[in-house]
């Protein structure tokens, strides 16, 4: 039995299903989580299905979380979407379920769960959720809301089909989702909109971007800068693509100060693999899009030097 069928058989066996995703969610995390929930609610209306996790911040136009208690996890199936390792799962309660199913498209460097479907060749976990539906059309029902959420996840993780992970299959899935009733143009506008504060911070990033002659770039967003522009870390994903718009930039890191004193590191590349850098600093991700943490400014500089080395190699 294929893994897609095994997952649905597991779902059939449970009355309660708790769907989690990763912390600090992006459109693919919420799209895959909410898209799966919408499909399962339409397919199995008698089941109790919940979406669980911390704040979604400015992505609440996509999905909001259900309120759950620890006792609700008794004899429940937990499904995690778009979450490579257990420490990144949003909501500690996920450990309380009877079994865990992992659906993800990141490299499976830190396996967890009782059943895992991991395909790093997929553009997004939202693409996988649609494939799960296609493989089980006798049991599963697609909805307009699921199509909206999965489409958001795909265009989010592919940068509107700009990134190398976009395949002909990705485009086929997106075309099938567009056949459902949702306003794709409105959704794209919502995903593209930023606040005035982020727009001003974008100018700061462009003006303060440090670019090595090799094409390696970085920008440091200290707590003072965040306070000056009245921005919090959860809003900063909108500025990640900015360095990549420069022809001179090949790979880059964005270092964002955290209240605890360390720096969150977002790594991106147009070609050289940078996930090895993330792994060396206790992070991970895709070859061209990864993340980790730097404990202090010395480690920030060390990571930048590793970006330079990666570009030169």
C-alpha atoms as a PDB file:
ATOM      1  CA  UNK A   1       0.000   0.000   0.000  1.00  0.00           C
ATOM      2  CA  UNK A   2       1.398   3.410  -0.975  1.00  0.00           C
ATOM      3  CA  UNK A   3       2.174   5.905   1.758  1.00  0.00           C
ATOM      4  CA  UNK A   4      -0.665   8.166   0.564  1.00  0.00           C
ATOM      5  CA  UNK A   5      -3.151   5.360   1.143  1.00  0.00           C
ATOM      6  CA  UNK A   6      -1.550   4.430   4.471  1.00  0.00           C
ATOM      7  CA  UNK A   7      -2.077   7.977   5.745  1.00  0.00           C
ATOM      8  CA  UNK A   8      -5.761   7.986   4.833  1.00  0.00           C
ATOM      9  CA  UNK A   9      -6.260   4.541   6.403  1.00  0.00           C
ATOM     10  CA  UNK A  10      -4.676   5.915   9.569  1.00  0.00           C
ATOM     11  CA  UNK A  11      -7.031   8.911   9.460  1.00  0.00           C
ATOM     12  CA  UNK A  12     -10.024   6.601   9.060  1.00  0.00           C
ATOM     13  CA  UNK A  13      -9.030   4.760  12.229  1.00  0.00           C
ATOM     14  CA  UNK A  14      -9.306   7.836  14.479  1.00  0.00           C
ATOM     15  CA  UNK A  15     -12.228   9.907  15.695  1.00  0.00           C
ATOM     16  CA  UNK A  16     -10.075  12.889  16.727  1.00  0.00           C
ATOM     17  CA  UNK A  17      -7.413  14.430  14.493  1.00  0.00           C
ATOM     18  CA  UNK A  18      -5.184  17.297  15.615  1.00  0.00           C
ATOM     19  CA  UNK A  19      -3.282  19.033  12.798  1.00  0.00           C
ATOM     20  CA  UNK A  20      -0.146  21.006  13.724  1.00  0.00           C
ATOM     21  CA  UNK A  21       2.418  22.997  11.686  1.00  0.00           C
ATOM     22  CA  UNK A  22       5.679  24.791  12.405  1.00  0.00           C
ATOM     23  CA  UNK A  23       6.289  27.814  14.605  1.00  0.00           C
ATOM     24  CA  UNK A  24       6.237  31.286  13.018  1.00  0.00           C
ATOM     25  CA  UNK A  25       4.079  29.983  10.156  1.00  0.00           C
ATOM     26  CA  UNK A  26       4.409  30.962   6.523  1.00  0.00           C
ATOM     27  CA  UNK A  27       1.704  30.497   3.851  1.00  0.00           C
ATOM     28  CA  UNK A  28       2.752  26.900   3.160  1.00  0.00           C
ATOM     29  CA  UNK A  29       2.567  25.940   6.834  1.00  0.00           C
ATOM     30  CA  UNK A  30      -0.937  27.378   7.145  1.00  0.00           C
ATOM     31  CA  UNK A  31      -1.980  26.359   3.640  1.00  0.00           C
ATOM     32  CA  UNK A  32      -1.078  22.701   4.114  1.00  0.00           C
ATOM     33  CA  UNK A  33      -2.478  22.605   7.652  1.00  0.00           C
ATOM     34  CA  UNK A  34      -5.753  24.340   6.827  1.00  0.00           C
ATOM     35  CA  UNK A  35      -6.100  22.734   3.407  1.00  0.00           C
ATOM     36  CA  UNK A  36      -5.807  19.262   4.914  1.00  0.00           C
ATOM     37  CA  UNK A  37      -8.269  20.163   7.663  1.00  0.00           C
ATOM     38  CA  UNK A  38     -10.835  21.444   5.155  1.00  0.00           C
ATOM     39  CA  UNK A  39     -10.517  18.296   3.042  1.00  0.00           C
ATOM     40  CA  UNK A  40     -10.879  16.007   6.053  1.00  0.00           C
ATOM     41  CA  UNK A  41     -13.843  17.910   7.486  1.00  0.00           C
ATOM     42  CA  UNK A  42     -15.680  17.622   4.178  1.00  0.00           C
ATOM     43  CA  UNK A  43     -14.688  13.972   3.739  1.00  0.00           C
ATOM     44  CA  UNK A  44     -15.374  12.806   7.295  1.00  0.00           C
ATOM     45  CA  UNK A  45     -17.974  15.162   8.810  1.00  0.00           C
ATOM     46  CA  UNK A  46     -18.461  12.827  11.753  1.00  0.00           C
ATOM     47  CA  UNK A  47     -14.844  13.248  12.909  1.00  0.00           C
ATOM     48  CA  UNK A  48     -13.464  15.902  15.277  1.00  0.00           C
ATOM     49  CA  UNK A  49     -10.722  17.770  13.412  1.00  0.00           C
ATOM     50  CA  UNK A  50      -8.733  20.669  14.833  1.00  0.00           C
ATOM     51  CA  UNK A  51      -5.986  23.000  13.591  1.00  0.00           C
ATOM     52  CA  UNK A  52      -3.534  23.781  16.372  1.00  0.00           C
ATOM     53  CA  UNK A  53      -0.571  26.112  16.879  1.00  0.00           C
ATOM     54  CA  UNK A  54       0.594  29.473  18.153  1.00  0.00           C
ATOM     55  CA  UNK A  55      -0.101  32.948  16.726  1.00  0.00           C
ATOM     56  CA  UNK A  56      -0.394  33.325  12.955  1.00  0.00           C
ATOM     57  CA  UNK A  57       0.233  37.092  13.168  1.00  0.00           C
ATOM     58  CA  UNK A  58      -0.637  38.927   9.931  1.00  0.00           C
ATOM     59  CA  UNK A  59      -1.565  35.708   8.112  1.00  0.00           C
ATOM     60  CA  UNK A  60      -4.942  35.445   9.823  1.00  0.00           C
ATOM     61  CA  UNK A  61      -6.636  36.074   6.470  1.00  0.00           C
ATOM     62  CA  UNK A  62      -5.528  32.529   5.623  1.00  0.00           C
ATOM     63  CA  UNK A  63      -6.325  30.609   8.793  1.00  0.00           C
ATOM     64  CA  UNK A  64      -6.917  30.965  12.522  1.00  0.00           C
ATOM     65  CA  UNK A  65      -6.272  28.317  15.145  1.00  0.00           C
ATOM     66  CA  UNK A  66      -8.724  26.280  17.204  1.00  0.00           C
ATOM     67  CA  UNK A  67      -8.650  26.309  20.999  1.00  0.00           C
ATOM     68  CA  UNK A  68      -7.778  22.892  22.404  1.00  0.00           C
ATOM     69  CA  UNK A  69      -6.985  21.351  25.793  1.00  0.00           C
ATOM     70  CA  UNK A  70      -4.569  18.585  26.765  1.00  0.00           C
ATOM     71  CA  UNK A  71      -7.329  16.059  27.444  1.00  0.00           C
ATOM     72  CA  UNK A  72      -8.559  16.392  23.845  1.00  0.00           C
ATOM     73  CA  UNK A  73      -5.405  14.573  22.711  1.00  0.00           C
ATOM     74  CA  UNK A  74      -6.366  11.331  24.402  1.00  0.00           C
ATOM     75  CA  UNK A  75      -6.700   8.657  21.681  1.00  0.00           C
ATOM     76  CA  UNK A  76      -6.138  11.322  19.013  1.00  0.00           C
ATOM     77  CA  UNK A  77      -4.136  11.172  15.790  1.00  0.00           C
ATOM     78  CA  UNK A  78      -1.686  14.047  15.402  1.00  0.00           C
ATOM     79  CA  UNK A  79      -0.677  15.153  11.897  1.00  0.00           C
ATOM     80  CA  UNK A  80       2.146  17.651  11.427  1.00  0.00           C
ATOM     81  CA  UNK A  81       2.556  19.487   8.132  1.00  0.00           C
ATOM     82  CA  UNK A  82       5.565  21.388   6.772  1.00  0.00           C
ATOM     83  CA  UNK A  83       7.649  20.777   9.902  1.00  0.00           C
ATOM     84  CA  UNK A  84      11.063  19.176   9.461  1.00  0.00           C
ATOM     85  CA  UNK A  85      11.898  18.428  13.083  1.00  0.00           C
ATOM     86  CA  UNK A  86       9.966  17.945  16.304  1.00  0.00           C
ATOM     87  CA  UNK A  87      11.357  21.015  18.150  1.00  0.00           C
ATOM     88  CA  UNK A  88       9.841  23.280  15.451  1.00  0.00           C
ATOM     89  CA  UNK A  89       6.292  21.951  15.846  1.00  0.00           C
ATOM     90  CA  UNK A  90       4.018  24.745  17.056  1.00  0.00           C
ATOM     91  CA  UNK A  91       2.138  23.559  20.122  1.00  0.00           C
ATOM     92  CA  UNK A  92       3.788  21.270  22.683  1.00  0.00           C
ATOM     93  CA  UNK A  93       0.555  19.299  22.943  1.00  0.00           C
ATOM     94  CA  UNK A  94       1.357  17.455  19.719  1.00  0.00           C
ATOM     95  CA  UNK A  95       3.341  14.977  21.834  1.00  0.00           C
ATOM     96  CA  UNK A  96       0.181  13.956  23.704  1.00  0.00           C
ATOM     97  CA  UNK A  97      -1.497  12.197  20.772  1.00  0.00           C
ATOM     98  CA  UNK A  98      -1.595   8.428  20.392  1.00  0.00           C
ATOM     99  CA  UNK A  99       0.214   8.471  17.024  1.00  0.00           C
ATOM    100  CA  UNK A 100       1.954  11.094  14.885  1.00  0.00           C
ATOM    101  CA  UNK A 101       1.908  11.361  11.082  1.00  0.00           C
ATOM    102  CA  UNK A 102       4.449  13.678   9.469  1.00  0.00           C
ATOM    103  CA  UNK A 103       3.818  15.229   6.024  1.00  0.00           C
ATOM    104  CA  UNK A 104       6.653  17.435   4.837  1.00  0.00           C
ATOM    105  CA  UNK A 105       8.838  18.538   1.924  1.00  0.00           C
ATOM    106  CA  UNK A 106      12.034  19.444   3.806  1.00  0.00           C
ATOM    107  CA  UNK A 107      15.054  17.091   3.919  1.00  0.00           C
ATOM    108  CA  UNK A 108      14.323  14.359   6.462  1.00  0.00           C
ATOM    109  CA  UNK A 109      17.441  14.992   8.551  1.00  0.00           C
ATOM    110  CA  UNK A 110      15.643  14.638  11.886  1.00  0.00           C
ATOM    111  CA  UNK A 111      12.958  11.956  11.510  1.00  0.00           C
ATOM    112  CA  UNK A 112      10.070  11.783  13.973  1.00  0.00           C
ATOM    113  CA  UNK A 113       6.566  10.337  14.136  1.00  0.00           C
ATOM    114  CA  UNK A 114       5.029   6.909  13.616  1.00  0.00           C
ATOM    115  CA  UNK A 115       4.357   7.392   9.909  1.00  0.00           C
ATOM    116  CA  UNK A 116       6.146   9.893   7.680  1.00  0.00           C
ATOM    117  CA  UNK A 117       5.640  11.050   4.104  1.00  0.00           C
ATOM    118  CA  UNK A 118       8.570  13.280   3.180  1.00  0.00           C
ATOM    119  CA  UNK A 119       9.270  14.429  -0.376  1.00  0.00           C
ATOM    120  CA  UNK A 120      12.025  17.064  -0.627  1.00  0.00           C
ATOM    121  CA  UNK A 121      11.481  17.225  -4.390  1.00  0.00           C
ATOM    122  CA  UNK A 122       8.038  18.790  -3.883  1.00  0.00           C
ATOM    123  CA  UNK A 123       7.729  22.563  -4.117  1.00  0.00           C
ATOM    124  CA  UNK A 124       5.711  22.742  -0.931  1.00  0.00           C
ATOM    125  CA  UNK A 125       3.788  20.677   1.572  1.00  0.00           C
ATOM    126  CA  UNK A 126       0.619  22.172   0.095  1.00  0.00           C
ATOM    127  CA  UNK A 127       1.502  20.446  -3.179  1.00  0.00           C
ATOM    128  CA  UNK A 128       1.772  17.162  -1.240  1.00  0.00           C
ATOM    129  CA  UNK A 129      -1.650  17.649   0.334  1.00  0.00           C
ATOM    130  CA  UNK A 130      -3.162  17.959  -3.133  1.00  0.00           C
ATOM    131  CA  UNK A 131      -1.308  14.789  -4.172  1.00  0.00           C
ATOM    132  CA  UNK A 132      -2.746  13.073  -1.098  1.00  0.00           C
ATOM    133  CA  UNK A 133      -6.221  14.041  -2.287  1.00  0.00           C
ATOM    134  CA  UNK A 134      -5.579  12.830  -5.846  1.00  0.00           C
ATOM    135  CA  UNK A 135      -4.304   9.473  -4.590  1.00  0.00           C
ATOM    136  CA  UNK A 136      -7.414   8.986  -2.446  1.00  0.00           C
ATOM    137  CA  UNK A 137     -10.276  10.471  -4.455  1.00  0.00           C
ATOM    138  CA  UNK A 138     -12.589   7.620  -3.469  1.00  0.00           C
ATOM    139  CA  UNK A 139     -12.309   8.753   0.155  1.00  0.00           C
ATOM    140  CA  UNK A 140     -11.437  12.450   0.060  1.00  0.00           C
ATOM    141  CA  UNK A 141     -13.403  15.523  -1.010  1.00  0.00           C
ATOM    142  CA  UNK A 142     -11.743  18.719  -2.245  1.00  0.00           C
ATOM    143  CA  UNK A 143     -13.305  22.027  -1.173  1.00  0.00           C
ATOM    144  CA  UNK A 144     -13.086  25.594  -2.418  1.00  0.00           C
ATOM    145  CA  UNK A 145     -11.510  26.637   0.877  1.00  0.00           C
ATOM    146  CA  UNK A 146      -8.928  23.853   0.701  1.00  0.00           C
ATOM    147  CA  UNK A 147      -8.081  24.925  -2.855  1.00  0.00           C
ATOM    148  CA  UNK A 148      -7.608  28.536  -1.711  1.00  0.00           C
ATOM    149  CA  UNK A 149      -5.301  27.518   1.119  1.00  0.00           C
ATOM    150  CA  UNK A 150      -3.250  25.034  -0.895  1.00  0.00           C
ATOM    151  CA  UNK A 151      -2.836  27.554  -3.719  1.00  0.00           C
ATOM    152  CA  UNK A 152      -1.600  30.113  -1.174  1.00  0.00           C
ATOM    153  CA  UNK A 153       0.898  27.596   0.176  1.00  0.00           C
ATOM    154  CA  UNK A 154       2.247  26.797  -3.272  1.00  0.00           C
ATOM    155  CA  UNK A 155       2.660  30.376  -4.468  1.00  0.00           C
ATOM    156  CA  UNK A 156       4.159  31.259  -1.091  1.00  0.00           C
ATOM    157  CA  UNK A 157       6.857  28.585  -1.132  1.00  0.00           C
ATOM    158  CA  UNK A 158       7.642  28.971  -4.840  1.00  0.00           C
ATOM    159  CA  UNK A 159       7.779  32.778  -4.769  1.00  0.00           C
ATOM    160  CA  UNK A 160       4.955  32.795  -7.311  1.00  0.00           C
ATOM    161  CA  UNK A 161       6.693  30.054  -9.312  1.00  0.00           C
ATOM    162  CA  UNK A 162      10.071  31.843  -9.422  1.00  0.00           C
ATOM    163  CA  UNK A 163      12.087  29.350  -7.373  1.00  0.00           C
ATOM    164  CA  UNK A 164      13.847  26.246  -8.755  1.00  0.00           C
ATOM    165  CA  UNK A 165      11.573  23.907  -6.751  1.00  0.00           C
ATOM    166  CA  UNK A 166       8.773  24.806  -9.179  1.00  0.00           C
ATOM    167  CA  UNK A 167       8.212  21.806 -11.469  1.00  0.00           C
ATOM    168  CA  UNK A 168       5.766  21.016 -14.248  1.00  0.00           C
ATOM    169  CA  UNK A 169       3.827  19.029 -11.637  1.00  0.00           C
ATOM    170  CA  UNK A 170       3.700  22.116  -9.393  1.00  0.00           C
ATOM    171  CA  UNK A 171       2.176  24.128 -12.224  1.00  0.00           C
ATOM    172  CA  UNK A 172      -0.293  21.321 -12.960  1.00  0.00           C
ATOM    173  CA  UNK A 173      -1.404  21.230  -9.322  1.00  0.00           C
ATOM    174  CA  UNK A 174      -1.806  25.014  -9.284  1.00  0.00           C
ATOM    175  CA  UNK A 175      -3.873  24.859 -12.472  1.00  0.00           C
ATOM    176  CA  UNK A 176      -6.180  22.223 -10.964  1.00  0.00           C
ATOM    177  CA  UNK A 177      -6.620  24.293  -7.786  1.00  0.00           C
ATOM    178  CA  UNK A 178      -7.529  27.340  -9.892  1.00  0.00           C
ATOM    179  CA  UNK A 179     -10.551  25.414 -11.173  1.00  0.00           C
ATOM    180  CA  UNK A 180     -12.189  25.822  -7.740  1.00  0.00           C
ATOM    181  CA  UNK A 181     -14.127  28.854  -6.605  1.00  0.00           C
ATOM    182  CA  UNK A 182     -11.878  31.317  -4.815  1.00  0.00           C
ATOM    183  CA  UNK A 183     -10.512  34.746  -5.709  1.00  0.00           C
ATOM    184  CA  UNK A 184      -6.904  33.995  -6.682  1.00  0.00           C
ATOM    185  CA  UNK A 185      -6.190  37.617  -7.593  1.00  0.00           C
ATOM    186  CA  UNK A 186      -7.409  38.846  -4.194  1.00  0.00           C
ATOM    187  CA  UNK A 187      -5.359  36.155  -2.468  1.00  0.00           C
ATOM    188  CA  UNK A 188      -2.217  37.219  -4.338  1.00  0.00           C
ATOM    189  CA  UNK A 189      -2.825  40.844  -3.360  1.00  0.00           C
ATOM    190  CA  UNK A 190      -3.277  39.902   0.288  1.00  0.00           C
ATOM    191  CA  UNK A 191      -0.029  37.926   0.224  1.00  0.00           C
ATOM    192  CA  UNK A 192       1.835  40.807  -1.429  1.00  0.00           C
ATOM    193  CA  UNK A 193       0.608  43.616   0.814  1.00  0.00           C
ATOM    194  CA  UNK A 194       2.879  44.991   3.535  1.00  0.00           C
ATOM    195  CA  UNK A 195       2.411  47.574   6.256  1.00  0.00           C
ATOM    196  CA  UNK A 196       3.874  51.058   5.988  1.00  0.00           C
ATOM    197  CA  UNK A 197       6.436  50.120   8.653  1.00  0.00           C
ATOM    198  CA  UNK A 198       7.660  47.130   6.618  1.00  0.00           C
ATOM    199  CA  UNK A 199       7.833  49.291   3.500  1.00  0.00           C
ATOM    200  CA  UNK A 200      10.090  51.736   5.339  1.00  0.00           C
ATOM    201  CA  UNK A 201      12.175  48.867   6.755  1.00  0.00           C
ATOM    202  CA  UNK A 202      12.591  47.602   3.186  1.00  0.00           C
ATOM    203  CA  UNK A 203      14.288  50.886   2.366  1.00  0.00           C
ATOM    204  CA  UNK A 204      16.599  50.408   5.339  1.00  0.00           C
ATOM    205  CA  UNK A 205      17.517  46.918   4.126  1.00  0.00           C
ATOM    206  CA  UNK A 206      18.372  48.204   0.645  1.00  0.00           C
ATOM    207  CA  UNK A 207      20.471  51.049   2.020  1.00  0.00           C
ATOM    208  CA  UNK A 208      22.339  48.973   4.605  1.00  0.00           C
ATOM    209  CA  UNK A 209      22.927  45.775   2.652  1.00  0.00           C
ATOM    210  CA  UNK A 210      26.557  44.686   2.893  1.00  0.00           C
ATOM    211  CA  UNK A 211      27.706  42.999  -0.328  1.00  0.00           C
ATOM    212  CA  UNK A 212      31.012  41.198  -0.691  1.00  0.00           C
ATOM    213  CA  UNK A 213      32.777  41.299  -4.067  1.00  0.00           C
ATOM    214  CA  UNK A 214      31.931  37.593  -4.435  1.00  0.00           C
ATOM    215  CA  UNK A 215      28.191  38.324  -4.361  1.00  0.00           C
ATOM    216  CA  UNK A 216      27.581  37.310  -0.749  1.00  0.00           C
ATOM    217  CA  UNK A 217      25.358  39.769   1.098  1.00  0.00           C
ATOM    218  CA  UNK A 218      24.021  40.342   4.584  1.00  0.00           C
ATOM    219  CA  UNK A 219      21.971  42.795   6.582  1.00  0.00           C
ATOM    220  CA  UNK A 220      21.762  43.025  10.363  1.00  0.00           C
ATOM    221  CA  UNK A 221      18.489  44.095  11.958  1.00  0.00           C
ATOM    222  CA  UNK A 222      19.324  44.976  15.550  1.00  0.00           C
ATOM    223  CA  UNK A 223      16.702  45.457  18.239  1.00  0.00           C
ATOM    224  CA  UNK A 224      17.266  49.212  17.903  1.00  0.00           C
ATOM    225  CA  UNK A 225      16.429  49.052  14.189  1.00  0.00           C
ATOM    226  CA  UNK A 226      13.315  46.954  14.819  1.00  0.00           C
ATOM    227  CA  UNK A 227      12.192  49.426  17.495  1.00  0.00           C
ATOM    228  CA  UNK A 228      12.898  52.396  15.224  1.00  0.00           C
ATOM    229  CA  UNK A 229      10.648  50.993  12.501  1.00  0.00           C
ATOM    230  CA  UNK A 230       8.159  49.534  15.008  1.00  0.00           C
ATOM    231  CA  UNK A 231       8.503  46.060  13.506  1.00  0.00           C
ATOM    232  CA  UNK A 232       8.627  42.643  15.179  1.00  0.00           C
ATOM    233  CA  UNK A 233      10.382  39.551  13.880  1.00  0.00           C
ATOM    234  CA  UNK A 234       7.173  37.871  12.734  1.00  0.00           C
ATOM    235  CA  UNK A 235       6.706  40.688  10.188  1.00  0.00           C
ATOM    236  CA  UNK A 236      10.196  40.471   8.666  1.00  0.00           C
ATOM    237  CA  UNK A 237       9.684  37.571   6.189  1.00  0.00           C
ATOM    238  CA  UNK A 238       8.426  40.190   3.716  1.00  0.00           C
ATOM    239  CA  UNK A 239      11.934  41.643   3.421  1.00  0.00           C
ATOM    240  CA  UNK A 240      13.710  38.325   2.768  1.00  0.00           C
ATOM    241  CA  UNK A 241      13.556  38.538  -1.084  1.00  0.00           C
ATOM    242  CA  UNK A 242      14.896  42.111  -1.262  1.00  0.00           C
ATOM    243  CA  UNK A 243      18.651  41.331  -1.494  1.00  0.00           C
ATOM    244  CA  UNK A 244      17.965  38.740  -4.208  1.00  0.00           C
ATOM    245  CA  UNK A 245      16.556  41.416  -6.489  1.00  0.00           C
ATOM    246  CA  UNK A 246      20.058  42.857  -6.896  1.00  0.00           C
ATOM    247  CA  UNK A 247      22.009  41.443  -9.837  1.00  0.00           C
ATOM    248  CA  UNK A 248      25.220  41.608  -7.810  1.00  0.00           C
ATOM    249  CA  UNK A 249      23.876  39.347  -5.047  1.00  0.00           C
ATOM    250  CA  UNK A 250      24.241  35.561  -5.299  1.00  0.00           C
ATOM    251  CA  UNK A 251      23.534  34.432  -1.710  1.00  0.00           C
ATOM    252  CA  UNK A 252      22.530  36.334   1.384  1.00  0.00           C
ATOM    253  CA  UNK A 253      21.705  36.221   5.065  1.00  0.00           C
ATOM    254  CA  UNK A 254      19.263  38.334   7.033  1.00  0.00           C
ATOM    255  CA  UNK A 255      20.053  38.474  10.748  1.00  0.00           C
ATOM    256  CA  UNK A 256      17.180  39.558  12.986  1.00  0.00           C
ATOM    257  CA  UNK A 257      17.649  40.322  16.693  1.00  0.00           C
ATOM    258  CA  UNK A 258      15.464  38.360  19.106  1.00  0.00           C
ATOM    259  CA  UNK A 259      14.245  39.502  22.555  1.00  0.00           C
ATOM    260  CA  UNK A 260      16.279  36.693  24.152  1.00  0.00           C
ATOM    261  CA  UNK A 261      19.499  38.217  22.794  1.00  0.00           C
ATOM    262  CA  UNK A 262      20.339  35.904  19.891  1.00  0.00           C
ATOM    263  CA  UNK A 263      19.754  36.451  16.164  1.00  0.00           C
ATOM    264  CA  UNK A 264      17.403  34.603  13.868  1.00  0.00           C
ATOM    265  CA  UNK A 265      19.167  33.858  10.589  1.00  0.00           C
ATOM    266  CA  UNK A 266      17.402  33.535   7.244  1.00  0.00           C
ATOM    267  CA  UNK A 267      19.619  32.244   4.445  1.00  0.00           C
ATOM    268  CA  UNK A 268      18.802  32.401   0.738  1.00  0.00           C
ATOM    269  CA  UNK A 269      20.733  31.646  -2.454  1.00  0.00           C
ATOM    270  CA  UNK A 270      20.400  31.835  -6.226  1.00  0.00           C
ATOM    271  CA  UNK A 271      22.672  28.833  -6.749  1.00  0.00           C
ATOM    272  CA  UNK A 272      25.268  27.848  -4.138  1.00  0.00           C
ATOM    273  CA  UNK A 273      23.947  25.425  -1.508  1.00  0.00           C
ATOM    274  CA  UNK A 274      23.525  27.142   1.848  1.00  0.00           C
ATOM    275  CA  UNK A 275      21.681  24.476   3.878  1.00  0.00           C
ATOM    276  CA  UNK A 276      25.044  23.107   5.032  1.00  0.00           C
ATOM    277  CA  UNK A 277      25.714  26.464   6.686  1.00  0.00           C
ATOM    278  CA  UNK A 278      22.393  26.259   8.500  1.00  0.00           C
ATOM    279  CA  UNK A 279      23.097  22.703   9.687  1.00  0.00           C
ATOM    280  CA  UNK A 280      26.471  23.718  11.112  1.00  0.00           C
ATOM    281  CA  UNK A 281      24.641  26.264  13.231  1.00  0.00           C
ATOM    282  CA  UNK A 282      21.917  23.885  14.454  1.00  0.00           C
ATOM    283  CA  UNK A 283      19.405  24.813  11.782  1.00  0.00           C
ATOM    284  CA  UNK A 284      18.403  23.372   8.435  1.00  0.00           C
ATOM    285  CA  UNK A 285      16.151  23.679   5.425  1.00  0.00           C
ATOM    286  CA  UNK A 286      16.355  23.511   1.654  1.00  0.00           C
ATOM    287  CA  UNK A 287      19.488  23.817  -0.458  1.00  0.00           C
ATOM    288  CA  UNK A 288      18.615  27.400  -1.460  1.00  0.00           C
ATOM    289  CA  UNK A 289      16.437  28.460   1.490  1.00  0.00           C
ATOM    290  CA  UNK A 290      17.416  27.664   5.051  1.00  0.00           C
ATOM    291  CA  UNK A 291      17.499  29.097   8.536  1.00  0.00           C
ATOM    292  CA  UNK A 292      19.275  28.863  11.870  1.00  0.00           C
ATOM    293  CA  UNK A 293      20.197  30.973  14.901  1.00  0.00           C
ATOM    294  CA  UNK A 294      23.341  32.912  15.840  1.00  0.00           C
ATOM    295  CA  UNK A 295      23.987  33.285  19.544  1.00  0.00           C
ATOM    296  CA  UNK A 296      25.892  36.574  19.222  1.00  0.00           C
ATOM    297  CA  UNK A 297      27.511  38.996  16.753  1.00  0.00           C
ATOM    298  CA  UNK A 298      30.621  36.832  16.515  1.00  0.00           C
ATOM    299  CA  UNK A 299      28.520  33.960  15.192  1.00  0.00           C
ATOM    300  CA  UNK A 300      26.718  36.379  12.850  1.00  0.00           C
ATOM    301  CA  UNK A 301      30.079  37.288  11.319  1.00  0.00           C
ATOM    302  CA  UNK A 302      31.102  33.617  11.182  1.00  0.00           C
ATOM    303  CA  UNK A 303      27.952  32.731   9.238  1.00  0.00           C
ATOM    304  CA  UNK A 304      28.522  35.610   6.829  1.00  0.00           C
ATOM    305  CA  UNK A 305      32.054  34.373   6.173  1.00  0.00           C
ATOM    306  CA  UNK A 306      30.610  30.919   5.448  1.00  0.00           C
ATOM    307  CA  UNK A 307      28.192  32.486   2.931  1.00  0.00           C
ATOM    308  CA  UNK A 308      31.168  34.148   1.230  1.00  0.00           C
ATOM    309  CA  UNK A 309      32.993  30.816   1.150  1.00  0.00           C
ATOM    310  CA  UNK A 310      29.959  29.039  -0.300  1.00  0.00           C
ATOM    311  CA  UNK A 311      29.671  31.601  -3.097  1.00  0.00           C
ATOM    312  CA  UNK A 312      33.390  31.412  -3.887  1.00  0.00           C
ATOM    313  CA  UNK A 313      33.286  27.627  -4.060  1.00  0.00           C
END
